[in-house]
Structure formats: structure tokens, C-alpha cells
């Protein structure tokens, strides 16, 4: 099976699980599963950046996500985790014979991407708790995925002008335009039909959604290029790792969701 076939098969198998989690799993189980997912993504991140002693850092991250999803202050939890990670880093470098510079770079990369994950988890929890929030999340996810699919096919068919060749050589301006149009259309249709969002508001928030999704995609691509990796992991055939699948969602869902909540 070629890569496109693997990609489609993986998406078909995962979609019912995501739908079931979003629509039919109540809190606190919804939150615990979100925390478990974030922990798994963090473990993948630690191995991606080649963090020394990754499992020690992963245990701390698991406790951090547990604190976040059970109602703890997310910023306080983040600063506590960073404090513990820095102490662990200093202990490791003091007893290790390896150069500390590479480990420090890995720590900085992990901290940066962890902030994106935290923004996503916090935003999803907040949206899940309000009336219509679940349907908003569903529309946002559908919009981001539609944008990704449209950008892929439009880019392959019409792509000529490279968007960011130093970060992601395969992305084109034409693909970006196709992705934005496709993503905005699907997100706006879902939001207008499911939660009666006014059309022009849905289009505006859809633009924020798709553009921040592109930023998330490019941000993760920049991280992979910095560490010399093609994929963030191998968990999802045809997609790479978890971060490869959710990179666009990390900033897009909470950014669009916060605007929607502010306009309520």
C-alpha cells in the first residue's frame, strides 16, 4: 500500500474514535483521555528532540498533564514543570560526560512545543465545557482537516510557487490558497448548520482557524528540520507521529475558539 493509501486508512480508523471521544465521553473521562493523549504527544516530543533520559522527563510531564486536566492552574503547572525539568537537566549534565549544549537545545525545543500543547489542551477543555462547544470543536477539526486535504491536492495539481522552502519545501502558495478556501468553507458550513453561527462570523473565524493552522504546521516542520527528522514519530502509518497529525490543530482550535467565545 502506498503512502496515500496508508494515510487514508489510518484516518478512516481513527475518525470514529475521535468522534466517540468528543461527543459521547463525559467529563471527567473526557479530560483524563485528553491528558493521556497530551502525555503521549509529550513523550513523542521528548524522543523527537533527543532529550537525554527522556522517560524521567516524561514522568514529570505525566504529572503535569494530570494537574492541568483536573483543574489546576495551567500556567502554574507549566512553570512547575519547567522548574523540575531544568533541575533534572542540571543534574543530568553535571553527571554526564556528553556535551551539555545539545541537551540544552533539546530542552528549549521541548519547552517551546509544550506551550503549544498546553494552549491546545486548555482551549479544548474550555470549549468542551460551554454550550455548543463540542460542535464548535468538531467544526474546527473538520475545517483544519479539510484545509490539509485541499492544500495537498491543490498543491500537487497547481503548485508552482514555494511557500516556505527552507522549512517545508513541498508547501506552495497555491496549496495554501486552496487549503484556506477548503477549510473556511467546511468550517463555516458546520458552524452555521450546527450552532447557527452567522455566516460572515463563521467565515471570519474560519480564516483565523485555517491561517493559524498553517502556522502550527510550519512551526512543527521547523522543529523537525532543526532536529533533522522527517516525521515526529511512527505511531500513525501514512501520517508519521501524533504531532504530525495534530500540529495544525494545536494553535488553530484554541485561537478560533477563544474568538468565538469572546463574541458570544
Protein backbone atom coordinates (compact mmCIF):
# COMPACT_ATOMS: atom_id res chain seq x y z
CA UNK A 1 0.00 0.00 0.00
CA UNK A 2 1.35 3.43 -0.95
CA UNK A 3 1.68 6.32 1.49
CA UNK A 4 -1.59 7.95 0.42
CA UNK A 5 -3.44 4.67 0.93
CA UNK A 6 -1.92 4.28 4.40
CA UNK A 7 -2.85 7.87 5.21
CA UNK A 8 -6.48 7.35 4.20
CA UNK A 9 -6.78 4.01 6.03
CA UNK A 10 -5.34 5.45 9.24
CA UNK A 11 -7.71 8.42 9.06
CA UNK A 12 -10.73 6.15 8.49
CA UNK A 13 -9.81 4.02 11.50
CA UNK A 14 -9.09 6.96 13.80
CA UNK A 15 -12.07 9.16 12.91
CA UNK A 16 -14.73 7.07 14.74
CA UNK A 17 -12.56 7.05 17.88
CA UNK A 18 -12.16 10.82 17.80
CA UNK A 19 -15.90 11.32 17.22
CA UNK A 20 -16.78 8.95 20.07
CA UNK A 21 -14.36 10.70 22.44
CA UNK A 22 -15.64 14.16 21.52
CA UNK A 23 -19.39 13.52 21.54
CA UNK A 24 -20.02 10.62 23.90
CA UNK A 25 -17.31 10.60 26.58
CA UNK A 26 -18.36 12.80 29.53
CA UNK A 27 -16.12 14.64 31.94
CA UNK A 28 -14.01 13.75 33.83
CA UNK A 29 -13.22 10.85 31.47
CA UNK A 30 -13.03 13.26 28.55
CA UNK A 31 -10.41 15.28 30.42
CA UNK A 32 -8.42 12.24 31.52
CA UNK A 33 -8.27 10.92 27.97
CA UNK A 34 -7.19 14.37 26.78
CA UNK A 35 -4.45 14.35 29.42
CA UNK A 36 -3.34 10.84 28.39
CA UNK A 37 -3.21 11.96 24.76
CA UNK A 38 -1.16 15.03 25.70
CA UNK A 39 1.21 12.86 27.73
CA UNK A 40 1.71 10.52 24.78
CA UNK A 41 2.38 13.51 22.50
CA UNK A 42 4.89 14.84 25.04
CA UNK A 43 6.73 11.50 25.14
CA UNK A 44 6.92 11.59 21.35
CA UNK A 45 8.23 15.16 21.56
CA UNK A 46 10.96 14.20 24.04
CA UNK A 47 12.23 11.46 21.75
CA UNK A 48 11.91 13.71 18.70
CA UNK A 49 14.24 16.34 20.15
CA UNK A 50 16.55 13.62 21.52
CA UNK A 51 16.10 14.66 25.13
CA UNK A 52 18.56 12.88 27.44
CA UNK A 53 16.93 10.42 29.87
CA UNK A 54 13.55 11.02 28.16
CA UNK A 55 11.50 8.74 30.42
CA UNK A 56 12.49 10.72 33.52
CA UNK A 57 11.23 13.89 31.87
CA UNK A 58 8.14 12.01 30.63
CA UNK A 59 7.12 11.02 34.17
CA UNK A 60 7.23 14.68 35.21
CA UNK A 61 5.18 15.58 32.12
CA UNK A 62 2.55 12.98 33.02
CA UNK A 63 2.13 14.55 36.46
CA UNK A 64 1.95 17.97 34.82
CA UNK A 65 -0.86 16.95 32.46
CA UNK A 66 -2.69 15.30 35.33
CA UNK A 67 -2.60 18.59 37.21
CA UNK A 68 -3.80 20.54 34.15
CA UNK A 69 -6.78 18.35 33.24
CA UNK A 70 -8.01 18.06 36.83
CA UNK A 71 -8.47 21.80 37.18
CA UNK A 72 -5.04 23.02 38.21
CA UNK A 73 -3.84 26.42 37.04
CA UNK A 74 -2.23 25.67 33.64
CA UNK A 75 0.42 28.39 33.82
CA UNK A 76 1.40 27.44 37.37
CA UNK A 77 1.60 23.79 36.30
CA UNK A 78 3.75 24.76 33.32
CA UNK A 79 6.19 26.79 35.40
CA UNK A 80 6.43 23.98 37.94
CA UNK A 81 7.19 21.51 35.17
CA UNK A 82 9.81 23.80 33.67
CA UNK A 83 11.42 24.20 37.11
CA UNK A 84 11.56 20.42 37.58
CA UNK A 85 12.81 19.87 34.03
CA UNK A 86 15.58 22.45 34.48
CA UNK A 87 16.65 20.86 37.78
CA UNK A 88 16.66 17.43 36.11
CA UNK A 89 18.64 18.88 33.21
CA UNK A 90 21.24 20.40 35.54
CA UNK A 91 21.58 17.14 37.45
CA UNK A 92 21.98 15.16 34.24
CA UNK A 93 24.58 17.49 32.73
CA UNK A 94 26.56 17.54 35.98
CA UNK A 95 26.97 13.75 35.97
CA UNK A 96 27.11 13.17 32.21
CA UNK A 97 30.25 13.23 30.09
CA UNK A 98 28.28 14.32 27.00
CA UNK A 99 28.38 17.98 25.87
CA UNK A 100 25.62 19.99 27.52
CA UNK A 101 24.88 22.20 24.52
CA UNK A 102 22.88 19.57 22.63
CA UNK A 103 20.87 18.70 25.73
CA UNK A 104 20.09 22.36 26.38
CA UNK A 105 18.88 22.80 22.80
CA UNK A 106 16.64 19.74 23.20
CA UNK A 107 15.24 21.20 26.42
CA UNK A 108 14.47 24.52 24.72
CA UNK A 109 12.74 22.80 21.80
CA UNK A 110 10.65 20.66 24.16
CA UNK A 111 9.60 23.67 26.23
CA UNK A 112 8.55 25.57 23.13
CA UNK A 113 6.37 22.80 21.71
CA UNK A 114 4.94 22.01 25.14
CA UNK A 115 3.47 25.53 25.24
CA UNK A 116 1.61 24.78 22.01
CA UNK A 117 0.26 21.56 23.52
CA UNK A 118 -0.79 23.40 26.66
CA UNK A 119 -2.65 26.04 24.63
CA UNK A 120 -4.50 23.28 22.79
CA UNK A 121 -5.46 21.27 25.89
CA UNK A 122 -6.58 24.37 27.78
CA UNK A 123 -8.63 25.59 24.80
CA UNK A 124 -10.32 22.24 24.19
CA UNK A 125 -11.23 21.88 27.86
CA UNK A 126 -12.70 25.36 27.96
CA UNK A 127 -14.71 24.82 24.76
CA UNK A 128 -15.92 21.40 25.86
CA UNK A 129 -17.47 22.93 28.98
CA UNK A 130 -19.70 25.50 27.23
CA UNK A 131 -22.97 25.11 25.35
CA UNK A 132 -22.26 24.37 21.70
CA UNK A 133 -18.54 23.99 22.37
CA UNK A 134 -18.38 20.35 21.31
CA UNK A 135 -19.93 21.18 17.95
CA UNK A 136 -17.55 24.11 17.59
CA UNK A 137 -14.57 21.79 18.19
CA UNK A 138 -15.97 19.34 15.63
CA UNK A 139 -16.32 22.10 13.05
CA UNK A 140 -12.83 23.39 13.80
CA UNK A 141 -11.30 19.94 13.39
CA UNK A 142 -13.25 19.38 10.18
CA UNK A 143 -12.06 22.73 8.86
CA UNK A 144 -8.40 22.06 9.65
CA UNK A 145 -8.54 18.58 8.13
CA UNK A 146 -10.34 19.88 5.04
CA UNK A 147 -7.72 22.59 4.71
CA UNK A 148 -4.94 19.99 4.90
CA UNK A 149 -6.58 17.77 2.27
CA UNK A 150 -7.37 20.66 -0.08
CA UNK A 151 -3.86 22.09 0.24
CA UNK A 152 -2.36 18.68 -0.55
CA UNK A 153 -4.35 18.09 -3.74
CA UNK A 154 -4.36 21.70 -4.98
CA UNK A 155 -0.63 21.94 -4.29
CA UNK A 156 0.08 18.74 -6.21
CA UNK A 157 -2.04 19.82 -9.18
CA UNK A 158 -1.36 23.55 -9.41
CA UNK A 159 1.53 24.26 -7.06
CA UNK A 160 4.31 26.35 -8.56
CA UNK A 161 5.36 28.97 -6.02
CA UNK A 162 7.10 27.66 -2.89
CA UNK A 163 5.64 28.98 0.35
CA UNK A 164 8.49 28.39 2.81
CA UNK A 165 11.15 26.34 1.01
CA UNK A 166 13.64 26.46 3.88
CA UNK A 167 11.10 24.97 6.30
CA UNK A 168 8.74 22.86 4.19
CA UNK A 169 9.79 22.58 0.53
CA UNK A 170 6.61 20.78 -0.54
CA UNK A 171 4.21 23.55 0.51
CA UNK A 172 3.16 26.06 -2.14
CA UNK A 173 1.27 29.35 -2.22
CA UNK A 174 -1.32 27.75 -4.50
CA UNK A 175 -1.78 24.94 -1.99
CA UNK A 176 -2.18 27.49 0.79
CA UNK A 177 -4.93 29.30 -1.11
CA UNK A 178 -6.72 26.04 -1.85
CA UNK A 179 -6.36 24.93 1.74
CA UNK A 180 -7.73 28.19 3.14
CA UNK A 181 -10.72 28.12 0.79
CA UNK A 182 -11.48 24.48 1.55
CA UNK A 183 -11.01 24.81 5.30
CA UNK A 184 -13.06 28.00 5.65
CA UNK A 185 -15.88 26.52 3.58
CA UNK A 186 -16.17 23.32 5.61
CA UNK A 187 -15.77 25.00 9.00
CA UNK A 188 -18.30 27.72 8.17
CA UNK A 189 -20.85 25.17 6.89
CA UNK A 190 -20.55 23.07 10.05
CA UNK A 191 -20.72 26.04 12.42
CA UNK A 192 -23.61 27.70 10.58
CA UNK A 193 -25.60 24.49 10.39
CA UNK A 194 -24.80 23.02 13.82
CA UNK A 195 -24.67 26.06 16.14
CA UNK A 196 -26.39 28.71 13.99
CA UNK A 197 -23.30 30.88 13.77
CA UNK A 198 -23.87 33.86 11.45
CA UNK A 199 -22.30 33.23 8.04
CA UNK A 200 -19.88 36.15 7.98
CA UNK A 201 -18.76 35.46 11.54
CA UNK A 202 -18.19 31.83 10.62
CA UNK A 203 -16.13 32.84 7.60
CA UNK A 204 -14.03 35.26 9.66
CA UNK A 205 -13.34 32.74 12.41
CA UNK A 206 -12.70 30.13 9.71
CA UNK A 207 -9.98 32.36 8.28
CA UNK A 208 -8.34 32.60 11.70
CA UNK A 209 -8.65 28.84 12.06
CA UNK A 210 -7.03 27.93 8.75
CA UNK A 211 -4.26 30.54 8.90
CA UNK A 212 -3.23 29.65 12.43
CA UNK A 213 -3.37 26.02 11.33
CA UNK A 214 -0.76 26.82 8.69
CA UNK A 215 1.38 28.46 11.37
CA UNK A 216 1.13 25.35 13.51
CA UNK A 217 2.05 23.11 10.59
CA UNK A 218 5.07 25.24 9.69
CA UNK A 219 6.12 25.52 13.34
CA UNK A 220 6.27 21.76 13.74
CA UNK A 221 8.04 21.45 10.38
CA UNK A 222 10.64 23.95 11.58
CA UNK A 223 11.19 21.87 14.71
CA UNK A 224 11.62 18.67 12.69
CA UNK A 225 14.05 20.39 10.35
CA UNK A 226 16.03 21.72 13.32
CA UNK A 227 16.46 18.23 14.77
CA UNK A 228 16.92 16.53 11.40
CA UNK A 229 13.75 14.41 11.46
CA UNK A 230 11.32 13.66 8.64
CA UNK A 231 8.43 12.69 10.93
CA UNK A 232 7.75 13.31 14.61
CA UNK A 233 7.24 9.56 15.14
CA UNK A 234 5.96 6.34 13.60
CA UNK A 235 2.76 5.74 15.53
CA UNK A 236 0.35 6.60 12.69
CA UNK A 237 1.07 4.89 9.33
CA UNK A 238 0.97 7.38 6.49
CA UNK A 239 0.92 10.31 8.90
CA UNK A 240 4.09 9.84 10.94
CA UNK A 241 3.60 10.64 14.61
CA UNK A 242 0.94 12.26 16.75
CA UNK A 243 2.48 15.70 16.40
CA UNK A 244 2.43 15.34 12.62
CA UNK A 245 -1.33 14.76 12.79
CA UNK A 246 -2.23 17.48 15.29
CA UNK A 247 0.36 20.19 14.51
CA UNK A 248 -2.17 22.43 12.74
CA UNK A 249 -4.83 21.83 15.41
CA UNK A 250 -2.62 22.93 18.30
CA UNK A 251 -2.86 26.69 17.72
CA UNK A 252 -5.90 26.69 15.39
CA UNK A 253 -8.61 25.19 17.61
CA UNK A 254 -7.94 27.32 20.73
CA UNK A 255 -7.28 30.51 18.75
CA UNK A 256 -10.54 30.22 16.80
CA UNK A 257 -12.37 29.02 19.91
CA UNK A 258 -11.31 31.97 22.04
CA UNK A 259 -12.55 34.39 19.38
CA UNK A 260 -15.86 32.54 19.20
CA UNK A 261 -16.23 32.64 22.99
CA UNK A 262 -15.37 36.35 23.11
CA UNK A 263 -18.13 37.11 20.57
CA UNK A 264 -20.80 35.13 22.42
